[in-house]
PDB file of N, CA and C in Angstrom:
ATOM      1  N   MET A   1       0.829  -1.185   0.000  1.00  0.00           N
ATOM      2  CA  MET A   1       0.000   0.000   0.000  1.00  0.00           C
ATOM      3  C   MET A   1       0.876   1.253   0.000  1.00  0.00           C
ATOM      4  N   ASN A   2       0.704   2.035  -0.987  1.00  0.00           N
ATOM      5  CA  ASN A   2       1.455   3.265  -1.147  1.00  0.00           C
ATOM      6  C   ASN A   2       0.927   4.335  -0.197  1.00  0.00           C
ATOM      7  N   LYS A   3       1.801   5.101   0.414  1.00  0.00           N
ATOM      8  CA  LYS A   3       1.387   6.122   1.384  1.00  0.00           C
ATOM      9  C   LYS A   3       0.548   7.226   0.744  1.00  0.00           C
ATOM     10  N   ASN A   4       0.817   7.555  -0.528  1.00  0.00           N
ATOM     11  CA  ASN A   4       0.089   8.636  -1.192  1.00  0.00           C
ATOM     12  C   ASN A   4      -1.151   8.155  -1.931  1.00  0.00           C
ATOM     13  N   LYS A   5      -1.366   6.861  -1.959  1.00  0.00           N
ATOM     14  CA  LYS A   5      -2.495   6.308  -2.688  1.00  0.00           C
ATOM     15  C   LYS A   5      -3.794   6.580  -1.932  1.00  0.00           C
ATOM     16  N   ARG A   6      -4.846   6.886  -2.673  1.00  0.00           N
ATOM     17  CA  ARG A   6      -6.141   7.178  -2.072  1.00  0.00           C
ATOM     18  C   ARG A   6      -7.193   6.280  -2.706  1.00  0.00           C
ATOM     19  N   ILE A   7      -8.266   6.027  -1.967  1.00  0.00           N
ATOM     20  CA  ILE A   7      -9.360   5.215  -2.471  1.00  0.00           C
ATOM     21  C   ILE A   7     -10.673   5.946  -2.249  1.00  0.00           C
ATOM     22  N   SER A   8     -11.594   5.771  -3.177  1.00  0.00           N
ATOM     23  CA  SER A   8     -12.939   6.319  -3.052  1.00  0.00           C
ATOM     24  C   SER A   8     -13.861   5.212  -2.569  1.00  0.00           C
ATOM     25  N   ILE A   9     -14.624   5.516  -1.530  1.00  0.00           N
ATOM     26  CA  ILE A   9     -15.537   4.539  -0.948  1.00  0.00           C
ATOM     27  C   ILE A   9     -16.948   5.099  -1.081  1.00  0.00           C
ATOM     28  N   THR A  10     -17.841   4.331  -1.709  1.00  0.00           N
ATOM     29  CA  THR A  10     -19.232   4.740  -1.907  1.00  0.00           C
ATOM     30  C   THR A  10     -20.151   3.737  -1.228  1.00  0.00           C
ATOM     31  N   GLN A  11     -21.103   4.254  -0.456  1.00  0.00           N
ATOM     32  CA  GLN A  11     -22.093   3.386   0.182  1.00  0.00           C
ATOM     33  C   GLN A  11     -23.178   3.085  -0.836  1.00  0.00           C
ATOM     34  N   ILE A  12     -23.365   1.802  -1.168  1.00  0.00           N
ATOM     35  CA  ILE A  12     -24.343   1.431  -2.192  1.00  0.00           C
ATOM     36  C   ILE A  12     -25.556   0.706  -1.617  1.00  0.00           C
ATOM     37  N   LYS A  13     -25.497   0.394  -0.320  1.00  0.00           N
ATOM     38  CA  LYS A  13     -26.602  -0.307   0.316  1.00  0.00           C
ATOM     39  C   LYS A  13     -26.813   0.271   1.706  1.00  0.00           C
ATOM     40  N   SER A  14     -28.042   0.313   2.164  1.00  0.00           N
ATOM     41  CA  SER A  14     -28.380   0.897   3.454  1.00  0.00           C
ATOM     42  C   SER A  14     -27.906   0.017   4.608  1.00  0.00           C
ATOM     43  N   GLY A  15     -27.599   0.663   5.723  1.00  0.00           N
ATOM     44  CA  GLY A  15     -27.195  -0.056   6.926  1.00  0.00           C
ATOM     45  C   GLY A  15     -28.374  -0.497   7.779  1.00  0.00           C
ATOM     46  N   ILE A  16     -29.587  -0.145   7.369  1.00  0.00           N
ATOM     47  CA  ILE A  16     -30.779  -0.513   8.131  1.00  0.00           C
ATOM     48  C   ILE A  16     -30.939  -2.031   8.131  1.00  0.00           C
ATOM     49  N   GLY A  17     -31.198  -2.592   9.298  1.00  0.00           N
ATOM     50  CA  GLY A  17     -31.395  -4.026   9.415  1.00  0.00           C
ATOM     51  C   GLY A  17     -30.123  -4.794   9.720  1.00  0.00           C
ATOM     52  N   TYR A  18     -28.983  -4.118   9.794  1.00  0.00           N
ATOM     53  CA  TYR A  18     -27.715  -4.754  10.113  1.00  0.00           C
ATOM     54  C   TYR A  18     -27.341  -4.450  11.556  1.00  0.00           C
ATOM     55  N   ARG A  19     -26.378  -5.174  12.071  1.00  0.00           N
ATOM     56  CA  ARG A  19     -25.942  -5.017  13.457  1.00  0.00           C
ATOM     57  C   ARG A  19     -25.387  -3.625  13.723  1.00  0.00           C
ATOM     58  N   LYS A  20     -25.390  -3.257  14.985  1.00  0.00           N
ATOM     59  CA  LYS A  20     -24.871  -1.954  15.404  1.00  0.00           C
ATOM     60  C   LYS A  20     -23.392  -1.809  15.042  1.00  0.00           C
ATOM     61  N   LYS A  21     -22.655  -2.914  15.123  1.00  0.00           N
ATOM     62  CA  LYS A  21     -21.228  -2.898  14.784  1.00  0.00           C
ATOM     63  C   LYS A  21     -21.023  -2.490  13.326  1.00  0.00           C
ATOM     64  N   THR A  22     -21.893  -2.971  12.448  1.00  0.00           N
ATOM     65  CA  THR A  22     -21.822  -2.624  11.029  1.00  0.00           C
ATOM     66  C   THR A  22     -22.106  -1.141  10.831  1.00  0.00           C
ATOM     67  N   LYS A  23     -23.118  -0.638  11.509  1.00  0.00           N
ATOM     68  CA  LYS A  23     -23.470   0.785  11.407  1.00  0.00           C
ATOM     69  C   LYS A  23     -22.351   1.663  11.950  1.00  0.00           C
ATOM     70  N   ASN A  24     -21.705   1.213  13.023  1.00  0.00           N
ATOM     71  CA  ASN A  24     -20.588   1.972  13.583  1.00  0.00           C
ATOM     72  C   ASN A  24     -19.401   2.013  12.628  1.00  0.00           C
ATOM     73  N   THR A  25     -19.194   0.949  11.874  1.00  0.00           N
ATOM     74  CA  THR A  25     -18.113   0.918  10.883  1.00  0.00           C
ATOM     75  C   THR A  25     -18.398   1.903   9.760  1.00  0.00           C
ATOM     76  N   LEU A  26     -19.652   1.967   9.310  1.00  0.00           N
ATOM     77  CA  LEU A  26     -20.030   2.962   8.296  1.00  0.00           C
ATOM     78  C   LEU A  26     -19.754   4.371   8.803  1.00  0.00           C
ATOM     79  N   LYS A  27     -20.129   4.614  10.044  1.00  0.00           N
ATOM     80  CA  LYS A  27     -19.932   5.934  10.650  1.00  0.00           C
ATOM     81  C   LYS A  27     -18.441   6.264  10.758  1.00  0.00           C
ATOM     82  N   ALA A  28     -17.630   5.267  11.126  1.00  0.00           N
ATOM     83  CA  ALA A  28     -16.185   5.471  11.251  1.00  0.00           C
ATOM     84  C   ALA A  28     -15.537   5.793   9.907  1.00  0.00           C
ATOM     85  N   LEU A  29     -16.104   5.256   8.840  1.00  0.00           N
ATOM     86  CA  LEU A  29     -15.597   5.571   7.497  1.00  0.00           C
ATOM     87  C   LEU A  29     -16.074   6.939   7.014  1.00  0.00           C
ATOM     88  N   GLY A  30     -17.023   7.533   7.717  1.00  0.00           N
ATOM     89  CA  GLY A  30     -17.525   8.855   7.348  1.00  0.00           C
ATOM     90  C   GLY A  30     -18.722   8.797   6.425  1.00  0.00           C
ATOM     91  N   LEU A  31     -19.371   7.647   6.342  1.00  0.00           N
ATOM     92  CA  LEU A  31     -20.522   7.481   5.459  1.00  0.00           C
ATOM     93  C   LEU A  31     -21.815   7.601   6.261  1.00  0.00           C
ATOM     94  N   ARG A  32     -22.704   8.510   5.828  1.00  0.00           N
ATOM     95  CA  ARG A  32     -23.959   8.728   6.528  1.00  0.00           C
ATOM     96  C   ARG A  32     -25.168   8.455   5.660  1.00  0.00           C
ATOM     97  N   LYS A  33     -25.035   8.688   4.352  1.00  0.00           N
ATOM     98  CA  LYS A  33     -26.171   8.570   3.439  1.00  0.00           C
ATOM     99  C   LYS A  33     -25.876   7.565   2.339  1.00  0.00           C
ATOM    100  N   LEU A  34     -26.925   7.072   1.754  1.00  0.00           N
ATOM    101  CA  LEU A  34     -26.817   6.178   0.610  1.00  0.00           C
ATOM    102  C   LEU A  34     -26.225   6.942  -0.571  1.00  0.00           C
ATOM    103  N   ASN A  35     -25.362   6.319  -1.315  1.00  0.00           N
ATOM    104  CA  ASN A  35     -24.667   6.891  -2.483  1.00  0.00           C
ATOM    105  C   ASN A  35     -23.701   8.013  -2.129  1.00  0.00           C
ATOM    106  N   GLN A  36     -23.376   8.163  -0.860  1.00  0.00           N
ATOM    107  CA  GLN A  36     -22.376   9.151  -0.455  1.00  0.00           C
ATOM    108  C   GLN A  36     -20.994   8.578  -0.718  1.00  0.00           C
ATOM    109  N   THR A  37     -20.082   9.413  -1.189  1.00  0.00           N
ATOM    110  CA  THR A  37     -18.719   8.988  -1.483  1.00  0.00           C
ATOM    111  C   THR A  37     -17.737   9.758  -0.617  1.00  0.00           C
ATOM    112  N   VAL A  38     -16.779   9.037  -0.051  1.00  0.00           N
ATOM    113  CA  VAL A  38     -15.697   9.664   0.703  1.00  0.00           C
ATOM    114  C   VAL A  38     -14.379   9.186   0.123  1.00  0.00           C
ATOM    115  N   GLU A  39     -13.350  10.002   0.285  1.00  0.00           N
ATOM    116  CA  GLU A  39     -12.025   9.651  -0.198  1.00  0.00           C
ATOM    117  C   GLU A  39     -11.109   9.523   1.004  1.00  0.00           C
ATOM    118  N   LYS A  40     -10.447   8.382   1.120  1.00  0.00           N
ATOM    119  CA  LYS A  40      -9.583   8.091   2.266  1.00  0.00           C
ATOM    120  C   LYS A  40      -8.213   7.632   1.783  1.00  0.00           C
ATOM    121  N   LYS A  41      -7.222   7.740   2.676  1.00  0.00           N
ATOM    122  CA  LYS A  41      -5.905   7.183   2.389  1.00  0.00           C
ATOM    123  C   LYS A  41      -6.005   5.669   2.408  1.00  0.00           C
ATOM    124  N   ASP A  42      -5.213   5.029   1.579  1.00  0.00           N
ATOM    125  CA  ASP A  42      -5.204   3.575   1.488  1.00  0.00           C
ATOM    126  C   ASP A  42      -4.296   3.010   2.580  1.00  0.00           C
ATOM    127  N   THR A  43      -4.884   2.736   3.752  1.00  0.00           N
ATOM    128  CA  THR A  43      -4.128   2.176   4.869  1.00  0.00           C
ATOM    129  C   THR A  43      -4.704   0.815   5.239  1.00  0.00           C
ATOM    130  N   ALA A  44      -3.951   0.078   6.041  1.00  0.00           N
ATOM    131  CA  ALA A  44      -4.397  -1.247   6.476  1.00  0.00           C
ATOM    132  C   ALA A  44      -5.659  -1.139   7.327  1.00  0.00           C
ATOM    133  N   CYS A  45      -5.752  -0.109   8.135  1.00  0.00           N
ATOM    134  CA  CYS A  45      -6.919   0.097   8.997  1.00  0.00           C
ATOM    135  C   CYS A  45      -8.177   0.315   8.161  1.00  0.00           C
ATOM    136  N   ILE A  46      -8.097   1.181   7.176  1.00  0.00           N
ATOM    137  CA  ILE A  46      -9.243   1.465   6.305  1.00  0.00           C
ATOM    138  C   ILE A  46      -9.615   0.227   5.502  1.00  0.00           C
ATOM    139  N   ARG A  47      -8.624  -0.487   4.991  1.00  0.00           N
ATOM    140  CA  ARG A  47      -8.880  -1.718   4.225  1.00  0.00           C
ATOM    141  C   ARG A  47      -9.590  -2.766   5.081  1.00  0.00           C
ATOM    142  N   GLY A  48      -9.215  -2.848   6.354  1.00  0.00           N
ATOM    143  CA  GLY A  48      -9.865  -3.784   7.261  1.00  0.00           C
ATOM    144  C   GLY A  48     -11.331  -3.453   7.456  1.00  0.00           C
ATOM    145  N   MET A  49     -11.638  -2.166   7.618  1.00  0.00           N
ATOM    146  CA  MET A  49     -13.035  -1.746   7.768  1.00  0.00           C
ATOM    147  C   MET A  49     -13.826  -2.038   6.498  1.00  0.00           C
ATOM    148  N   ILE A  50     -13.210  -1.805   5.358  1.00  0.00           N
ATOM    149  CA  ILE A  50     -13.867  -2.066   4.073  1.00  0.00           C
ATOM    150  C   ILE A  50     -14.152  -3.557   3.921  1.00  0.00           C
ATOM    151  N   ASN A  51     -13.205  -4.391   4.299  1.00  0.00           N
ATOM    152  CA  ASN A  51     -13.392  -5.844   4.176  1.00  0.00           C
ATOM    153  C   ASN A  51     -14.522  -6.351   5.055  1.00  0.00           C
ATOM    154  N   LYS A  52     -14.713  -5.744   6.222  1.00  0.00           N
ATOM    155  CA  LYS A  52     -15.765  -6.182   7.138  1.00  0.00           C
ATOM    156  C   LYS A  52     -17.166  -5.901   6.593  1.00  0.00           C
ATOM    157  N   ILE A  53     -17.320  -4.792   5.859  1.00  0.00           N
ATOM    158  CA  ILE A  53     -18.654  -4.422   5.354  1.00  0.00           C
ATOM    159  C   ILE A  53     -18.642  -4.236   3.840  1.00  0.00           C
ATOM    160  N   SER A  54     -17.898  -5.064   3.144  1.00  0.00           N
ATOM    161  CA  SER A  54     -17.745  -4.932   1.693  1.00  0.00           C
ATOM    162  C   SER A  54     -19.065  -5.069   0.943  1.00  0.00           C
ATOM    163  N   TYR A  55     -20.045  -5.768   1.531  1.00  0.00           N
ATOM    164  CA  TYR A  55     -21.343  -5.954   0.886  1.00  0.00           C
ATOM    165  C   TYR A  55     -22.188  -4.681   0.858  1.00  0.00           C
ATOM    166  N   LEU A  56     -21.756  -3.642   1.586  1.00  0.00           N
ATOM    167  CA  LEU A  56     -22.469  -2.362   1.596  1.00  0.00           C
ATOM    168  C   LEU A  56     -21.755  -1.290   0.778  1.00  0.00           C
ATOM    169  N   LEU A  57     -20.558  -1.595   0.285  1.00  0.00           N
ATOM    170  CA  LEU A  57     -19.702  -0.567  -0.302  1.00  0.00           C
ATOM    171  C   LEU A  57     -19.258  -0.892  -1.722  1.00  0.00           C
ATOM    172  N   LYS A  58     -18.868   0.180  -2.429  1.00  0.00           N
ATOM    173  CA  LYS A  58     -18.174   0.066  -3.699  1.00  0.00           C
ATOM    174  C   LYS A  58     -16.862   0.844  -3.537  1.00  0.00           C
ATOM    175  N   VAL A  59     -15.750   0.213  -3.887  1.00  0.00           N
ATOM    176  CA  VAL A  59     -14.442   0.818  -3.673  1.00  0.00           C
ATOM    177  C   VAL A  59     -13.736   1.000  -5.009  1.00  0.00           C
ATOM    178  N   GLU A  60     -13.175   2.205  -5.204  1.00  0.00           N
ATOM    179  CA  GLU A  60     -12.402   2.514  -6.413  1.00  0.00           C
ATOM    180  C   GLU A  60     -11.053   3.054  -6.003  1.00  0.00           C
ATOM    181  N   GLU A  61      -9.992   2.501  -6.587  1.00  0.00           N
ATOM    182  CA  GLU A  61      -8.646   2.994  -6.309  1.00  0.00           C
ATOM    183  C   GLU A  61      -8.320   4.160  -7.212  1.00  0.00           C
ATOM    184  N   LYS A  62      -7.621   5.134  -6.677  1.00  0.00           N
ATOM    185  CA  LYS A  62      -7.243   6.319  -7.463  1.00  0.00           C
ATOM    186  C   LYS A  62      -5.758   6.412  -7.599  1.00  0.00           C
TER     187      LYS A  62
END
């Protein structure tokens, strides 16, 4: 993982009906609304959060 590399994370599915832990992960990534996109640094911590809730997200590398 390159230090300057960034990834775009888009929420494509609602967190309603999922566990509180899943909703907290969405919140930690900065996602509040459906189809909202955030740009984050490509770190191991962020990748771990993405892997846990990958079924709710779309990820694009930049």
